[in-house]
Amino acid sequence: MKLNLNIGNKKYDIELNKTSGGSINIKVDGEEFLFQETKKEKKELSLAKTSLPKRNFSEKEIKAPISGIISEIFAKEGDVVKQGEKVALLSAMKMENEIISDFDGKIKTALIKQEQTVKEGELLFLLD
């Protein structure tokens, strides 16, 4: 791939090529630079991809995304909620945060009360 880059009054001719070994060769105005991924970078990249928490969507649970105080509750036991529907408001750091249902379902158990303090990850609602 060839590019022309203008920075201020200077023009740069740039050429990018991927080698058969997976390295990247970059030519800037005829001067070559070779970039190669190290084993350490590959390992860190691999760890980054696998370090996200896994969610079990077979269990319909609504949890607190952050710690705070439940300031308002919009759903109660027996209510039918849709995915994306607001079920509660959580106050944290002088901001109101909407708690949204990730699922369609019926509220089987509401585990919170208004003005209750909750921790990040704490279970708020169970759905059928």
Protein backbone atom coordinates (compact mmCIF):
# COMPACT_ATOMS: atom_id res chain seq x y z
CA MET A 1 0.00 0.00 0.00
CA LYS A 2 1.41 3.41 -0.95
CA LEU A 3 0.51 6.65 0.78
CA ASN A 4 1.42 10.30 0.52
CA LEU A 5 1.44 12.15 3.81
CA ASN A 6 1.72 15.93 4.14
CA ILE A 7 2.79 17.35 7.49
CA GLY A 8 3.11 21.11 7.41
CA ASN A 9 5.05 21.93 4.26
CA LYS A 10 6.81 18.53 4.09
CA LYS A 11 5.59 15.66 1.90
CA TYR A 12 6.35 12.03 2.82
CA ASP A 13 6.07 9.04 0.46
CA ILE A 14 5.14 5.98 2.55
CA GLU A 15 4.92 2.35 1.49
CA LEU A 16 3.53 -0.41 3.74
CA ASN A 17 4.13 -4.12 3.05
CA LYS A 18 3.45 -7.26 5.05
CA THR A 19 6.22 -9.84 4.69
CA SER A 20 5.65 -13.58 4.37
CA GLY A 21 6.87 -13.98 7.98
CA GLY A 22 4.14 -11.67 9.29
CA SER A 23 6.40 -8.66 9.86
CA ILE A 24 5.50 -5.18 8.61
CA ASN A 25 7.94 -3.32 6.37
CA ILE A 26 7.45 0.46 6.27
CA LYS A 27 9.38 2.68 3.84
CA VAL A 28 9.38 6.43 4.51
CA ASP A 29 11.05 8.43 1.73
CA GLY A 30 13.15 5.38 0.83
CA GLU A 31 14.27 4.59 4.40
CA GLU A 32 13.06 1.15 5.55
CA PHE A 33 11.74 0.15 8.98
CA LEU A 34 10.87 -3.44 9.92
CA PHE A 35 8.33 -4.13 12.67
CA GLN A 36 7.86 -7.56 14.16
CA GLU A 37 5.56 -8.84 16.91
CA THR A 38 7.50 -10.27 19.88
CA LYS A 39 6.48 -13.38 21.82
CA LYS A 40 5.76 -11.16 24.85
CA GLU A 41 3.36 -8.97 22.79
CA LYS A 42 1.59 -12.11 21.49
CA LYS A 43 1.16 -13.41 25.05
CA GLU A 44 -0.18 -10.05 26.33
CA LEU A 45 -2.57 -9.85 23.40
CA SER A 46 -3.80 -13.36 24.13
CA LEU A 47 -4.33 -12.52 27.82
CA ALA A 48 -6.25 -9.38 26.94
CA LYS A 49 -8.68 -11.34 24.78
CA THR A 50 -9.44 -13.88 27.50
CA SER A 51 -9.56 -11.68 30.61
CA LEU A 52 -13.11 -10.36 30.17
CA PRO A 53 -15.63 -11.68 32.70
CA LYS A 54 -17.93 -14.32 31.28
CA ARG A 55 -21.69 -13.91 31.60
CA ASN A 56 -24.12 -16.77 31.81
CA PHE A 57 -27.13 -15.68 29.78
CA SER A 58 -29.05 -18.87 30.67
CA GLU A 59 -29.56 -17.38 34.14
CA LYS A 60 -31.65 -14.26 33.81
CA GLU A 61 -30.10 -12.06 36.47
CA ILE A 62 -29.88 -8.29 36.67
CA LYS A 63 -26.87 -7.14 38.69
CA ALA A 64 -25.60 -3.77 39.84
CA PRO A 65 -23.09 -2.43 37.29
CA ILE A 66 -21.45 -0.23 39.96
CA SER A 67 -21.73 0.37 43.70
CA GLY A 68 -24.28 2.93 44.82
CA ILE A 69 -27.71 3.55 46.33
CA ILE A 70 -30.97 2.39 44.73
CA SER A 71 -32.87 5.67 44.34
CA GLU A 72 -35.91 4.41 42.42
CA ILE A 73 -37.39 1.03 41.46
CA PHE A 74 -39.57 0.67 38.35
CA ALA A 75 -40.19 -3.11 38.37
CA LYS A 76 -41.56 -5.36 41.06
CA GLU A 77 -42.09 -9.10 41.47
CA GLY A 78 -44.57 -10.39 38.90
CA ASP A 79 -43.95 -7.57 36.39
CA VAL A 80 -43.10 -8.53 32.82
CA VAL A 81 -40.10 -6.61 31.47
CA LYS A 82 -38.58 -6.40 28.01
CA GLN A 83 -34.92 -6.33 27.07
CA GLY A 84 -33.70 -2.73 27.27
CA GLU A 85 -36.40 -1.67 29.75
CA LYS A 86 -35.37 0.46 32.74
CA VAL A 87 -35.96 -1.46 35.99
CA ALA A 88 -34.24 0.78 38.56
CA LEU A 89 -32.13 3.89 39.13
CA LEU A 90 -28.86 3.71 41.01
CA SER A 91 -27.23 6.84 42.44
CA ALA A 92 -23.45 6.85 42.49
CA MET A 93 -20.96 9.72 42.54
CA LYS A 94 -23.77 12.31 42.29
CA MET A 95 -25.11 10.70 39.08
CA GLU A 96 -28.23 8.68 38.37
CA ASN A 97 -27.46 5.43 36.51
CA GLU A 98 -30.25 3.50 34.82
CA ILE A 99 -30.36 -0.23 35.47
CA ILE A 100 -31.57 -1.82 32.24
CA SER A 101 -32.84 -5.38 31.76
CA ASP A 102 -30.69 -7.51 29.46
CA PHE A 103 -33.59 -9.95 29.01
CA ASP A 104 -37.27 -10.33 28.26
CA GLY A 105 -39.00 -12.04 31.18
CA LYS A 106 -41.08 -11.91 34.31
CA ILE A 107 -39.54 -10.62 37.56
CA LYS A 108 -39.38 -13.71 39.75
CA THR A 109 -37.55 -12.06 42.66
CA ALA A 110 -36.74 -8.43 43.44
CA LEU A 111 -33.85 -8.38 45.90
CA ILE A 112 -33.64 -4.62 46.46
CA LYS A 113 -35.47 -1.86 48.28
CA GLN A 114 -35.45 1.88 47.69
CA GLU A 115 -32.47 3.66 49.36
CA GLN A 116 -30.64 0.33 49.73
CA THR A 117 -26.85 0.43 49.26
CA VAL A 118 -25.60 -2.14 46.74
CA LYS A 119 -22.14 -3.23 45.66
CA GLU A 120 -20.89 -3.70 42.10
CA GLY A 121 -22.04 -7.12 40.82
CA GLU A 122 -24.69 -7.53 43.51
CA LEU A 123 -27.80 -9.39 42.34
CA LEU A 124 -30.82 -7.04 42.05
CA PHE A 125 -33.48 -9.04 40.16
CA LEU A 126 -34.07 -12.65 39.08
CA LEU A 127 -36.23 -13.23 36.00
CA ASP A 128 -38.16 -16.27 34.74
